C-alpha atoms as a PDB file:
ATOM      1  CA  MET A   1      10.987  -9.242  -9.070  1.00  0.00           C
ATOM      2  CA  LYS A   2       8.803  -6.214  -8.480  1.00  0.00           C
ATOM      3  CA  LYS A   3       8.312  -4.068  -5.407  1.00  0.00           C
ATOM      4  CA  ILE A   4       4.718  -2.947  -5.067  1.00  0.00           C
ATOM      5  CA  GLU A   5       4.057   0.020  -2.816  1.00  0.00           C
ATOM      6  CA  ALA A   6       0.486   1.146  -2.187  1.00  0.00           C
ATOM      7  CA  ILE A   7      -0.835   4.148  -0.273  1.00  0.00           C
ATOM      8  CA  ILE A   8      -4.441   3.485   0.763  1.00  0.00           C
ATOM      9  CA  GLN A   9      -7.196   4.674   3.107  1.00  0.00           C
ATOM     10  CA  PRO A  10      -6.708   3.283   6.653  1.00  0.00           C
ATOM     11  CA  PHE A  11     -10.226   1.813   6.858  1.00  0.00           C
ATOM     12  CA  LYS A  12      -9.524  -0.398   3.801  1.00  0.00           C
ATOM     13  CA  ILE A  13      -6.517  -2.219   5.299  1.00  0.00           C
ATOM     14  CA  ASP A  14      -8.429  -5.322   6.441  1.00  0.00           C
ATOM     15  CA  GLU A  15     -10.085  -5.785   3.033  1.00  0.00           C
ATOM     16  CA  VAL A  16      -6.760  -5.340   1.248  1.00  0.00           C
ATOM     17  CA  LYS A  17      -4.961  -7.819   3.539  1.00  0.00           C
ATOM     18  CA  GLU A  18      -7.734 -10.395   3.005  1.00  0.00           C
ATOM     19  CA  ALA A  19      -7.570  -9.930  -0.774  1.00  0.00           C
ATOM     20  CA  LEU A  20      -3.783 -10.376  -0.814  1.00  0.00           C
ATOM     21  CA  VAL A  21      -3.824 -13.411   1.464  1.00  0.00           C
ATOM     22  CA  GLY A  22      -6.616 -14.794  -0.726  1.00  0.00           C
ATOM     23  CA  ILE A  23      -4.262 -14.885  -3.726  1.00  0.00           C
ATOM     24  CA  GLY A  24      -1.362 -16.297  -1.706  1.00  0.00           C
ATOM     25  CA  ILE A  25       0.552 -13.117  -0.851  1.00  0.00           C
ATOM     26  CA  ASP A  26       1.380 -13.124   2.843  1.00  0.00           C
ATOM     27  CA  GLY A  27       4.662 -11.198   3.068  1.00  0.00           C
ATOM     28  CA  MET A  28       4.089  -7.469   3.377  1.00  0.00           C
ATOM     29  CA  THR A  29       5.155  -4.467   5.416  1.00  0.00           C
ATOM     30  CA  ILE A  30       2.471  -2.060   6.592  1.00  0.00           C
ATOM     31  CA  SER A  31       3.191   1.458   7.886  1.00  0.00           C
ATOM     32  CA  GLU A  32       0.972   4.276   9.093  1.00  0.00           C
ATOM     33  CA  VAL A  33       1.838   7.414   7.126  1.00  0.00           C
ATOM     34  CA  ARG A  34       0.432  10.895   6.544  1.00  0.00           C
ATOM     35  CA  GLY A  35       0.132  12.864   3.331  1.00  0.00           C
ATOM     36  CA  HIS A  36      -2.122  14.302   0.668  1.00  0.00           C
ATOM     37  CA  GLY A  37      -2.543  14.325  -3.069  1.00  0.00           C
ATOM     38  CA  ARG A  38      -4.968  16.327  -5.158  1.00  0.00           C
ATOM     39  CA  GLN A  39      -7.515  16.493  -2.349  1.00  0.00           C
ATOM     40  CA  LYS A  40      -5.208  18.861  -0.372  1.00  0.00           C
ATOM     41  CA  GLY A  41      -6.749  17.940   2.987  1.00  0.00           C
ATOM     42  CA  HIS A  42      -9.831  19.469   4.549  1.00  0.00           C
ATOM     43  CA  LYS A  43     -10.923  22.047   7.118  1.00  0.00           C
ATOM     44  CA  GLU A  44     -12.032  21.186  10.650  1.00  0.00           C
ATOM     45  CA  VAL A  45     -13.432  23.316  13.442  1.00  0.00           C
ATOM     46  CA  TYR A  46     -12.097  22.813  16.971  1.00  0.00           C
ATOM     47  CA  ARG A  47     -13.324  25.004  19.831  1.00  0.00           C
ATOM     48  CA  GLY A  48     -14.623  27.584  17.415  1.00  0.00           C
ATOM     49  CA  GLN A  49     -11.392  27.882  15.452  1.00  0.00           C
ATOM     50  CA  GLU A  50     -11.054  26.637  11.896  1.00  0.00           C
ATOM     51  CA  TYR A  51      -7.991  24.510  11.105  1.00  0.00           C
ATOM     52  CA  ASN A  52      -6.691  23.301   7.763  1.00  0.00           C
ATOM     53  CA  VAL A  53      -5.828  19.597   8.047  1.00  0.00           C
ATOM     54  CA  ASP A  54      -3.550  19.048   5.069  1.00  0.00           C
ATOM     55  CA  LEU A  55      -1.753  15.827   6.045  1.00  0.00           C
ATOM     56  CA  LEU A  56      -4.296  13.030   6.148  1.00  0.00           C
ATOM     57  CA  PRO A  57      -3.711   9.605   7.731  1.00  0.00           C
ATOM     58  CA  LYS A  58      -2.960   6.863   5.194  1.00  0.00           C
ATOM     59  CA  VAL A  59      -1.540   3.339   5.249  1.00  0.00           C
ATOM     60  CA  LYS A  60       1.455   2.277   3.145  1.00  0.00           C
ATOM     61  CA  ILE A  61       1.740  -1.368   2.125  1.00  0.00           C
ATOM     62  CA  GLU A  62       5.014  -2.628   0.663  1.00  0.00           C
ATOM     63  CA  MET A  63       5.748  -6.060  -0.782  1.00  0.00           C
ATOM     64  CA  VAL A  64       8.157  -7.696  -3.208  1.00  0.00           C
ATOM     65  CA  VAL A  65       6.653 -10.309  -5.522  1.00  0.00           C
ATOM     66  CA  PRO A  66       7.821 -12.350  -8.516  1.00  0.00           C
ATOM     67  CA  ALA A  67       7.486 -10.249 -11.689  1.00  0.00           C
ATOM     68  CA  GLU A  68       4.941 -12.634 -13.235  1.00  0.00           C
ATOM     69  CA  ARG A  69       2.554 -12.139 -10.279  1.00  0.00           C
ATOM     70  CA  SER A  70       2.757  -8.338 -10.111  1.00  0.00           C
ATOM     71  CA  GLU A  71      -0.301  -7.645 -12.292  1.00  0.00           C
ATOM     72  CA  GLU A  72      -2.408 -10.122 -10.295  1.00  0.00           C
ATOM     73  CA  VAL A  73      -1.343  -8.429  -7.054  1.00  0.00           C
ATOM     74  CA  VAL A  74      -2.102  -4.949  -8.414  1.00  0.00           C
ATOM     75  CA  LYS A  75      -5.596  -6.039  -9.515  1.00  0.00           C
ATOM     76  CA  ALA A  76      -6.393  -7.606  -6.131  1.00  0.00           C
ATOM     77  CA  LEU A  77      -4.980  -4.652  -4.213  1.00  0.00           C
ATOM     78  CA  SER A  78      -6.715  -1.954  -6.255  1.00  0.00           C
ATOM     79  CA  GLY A  79     -10.014  -3.832  -6.260  1.00  0.00           C
ATOM     80  CA  ALA A  80     -10.020  -4.168  -2.483  1.00  0.00           C
ATOM     81  CA  ALA A  81      -8.868  -0.583  -1.819  1.00  0.00           C
ATOM     82  CA  ARG A  82     -11.204   1.200  -4.251  1.00  0.00           C
ATOM     83  CA  THR A  83     -14.136   3.256  -2.947  1.00  0.00           C
ATOM     84  CA  GLY A  84     -14.531   5.351  -6.097  1.00  0.00           C
ATOM     85  CA  LYS A  85     -13.981   8.590  -4.188  1.00  0.00           C
ATOM     86  CA  ILE A  86     -11.096  11.026  -4.147  1.00  0.00           C
ATOM     87  CA  GLY A  87      -8.288   9.954  -1.822  1.00  0.00           C
ATOM     88  CA  ASP A  88      -8.393   6.200  -2.582  1.00  0.00           C
ATOM     89  CA  GLY A  89      -4.611   6.249  -2.997  1.00  0.00           C
ATOM     90  CA  LYS A  90      -1.900   5.174  -5.408  1.00  0.00           C
ATOM     91  CA  ILE A  91       0.081   2.063  -6.321  1.00  0.00           C
ATOM     92  CA  PHE A  92       3.738   2.309  -7.343  1.00  0.00           C
ATOM     93  CA  ILE A  93       5.664  -0.545  -8.989  1.00  0.00           C
ATOM     94  CA  TYR A  94       9.464  -0.746  -8.966  1.00  0.00           C
ATOM     95  CA  ASP A  95      11.959  -3.215 -10.421  1.00  0.00           C
ATOM     96  CA  VAL A  96      13.988  -5.066  -7.781  1.00  0.00           C
ATOM     97  CA  ALA A  97      17.463  -6.169  -8.804  1.00  0.00           C
ATOM     98  CA  GLU A  98      18.055  -8.686  -6.012  1.00  0.00           C
ATOM     99  CA  ALA A  99      16.659 -10.010  -2.736  1.00  0.00           C
ATOM    100  CA  VAL A 100      18.631 -11.873  -0.089  1.00  0.00           C
ATOM    101  CA  ARG A 101      17.166 -13.769   2.856  1.00  0.00           C
ATOM    102  CA  ILE A 102      19.430 -12.944   5.802  1.00  0.00           C
ATOM    103  CA  ARG A 103      18.746 -16.184   7.696  1.00  0.00           C
ATOM    104  CA  ASN A 104      20.154 -18.599   5.107  1.00  0.00           C
ATOM    105  CA  GLY A 105      21.446 -16.554   2.159  1.00  0.00           C
ATOM    106  CA  ASP A 106      18.662 -17.496  -0.306  1.00  0.00           C
ATOM    107  CA  ARG A 107      18.647 -15.147  -3.292  1.00  0.00           C
ATOM    108  CA  GLY A 108      16.130 -13.999  -5.879  1.00  0.00           C
ATOM    109  CA  ASP A 109      12.595 -15.419  -5.866  1.00  0.00           C
ATOM    110  CA  ALA A 110      13.674 -18.058  -3.321  1.00  0.00           C
ATOM    111  CA  ALA A 111      14.267 -15.264  -0.800  1.00  0.00           C
ATOM    112  CA  LEU A 112      10.667 -14.062  -1.088  1.00  0.00           C
END
């Protein structure tokens, strides 16, 4: 099993969800987060004062999928999230040793 964690632009969330549901992935956790990478934020002017906004709003999507589907999920996710501009985000892939469904004790891929 693989855990796929993606940090994307907030306005791309609907496209990404549709792409994932389109390939049969419906279990995911979505969180609103803030951060920056190479872009280092931007400057804004408010009431005549200039402010450095260095923590930008992002969305984090987390899901655990069978290992054999991870590449398919990454392709769908990155295709839907890509704008081609700086700040599109990142995808991280982790190995998952075990998953347990609390309701009935299912383990492994059956718990997904």
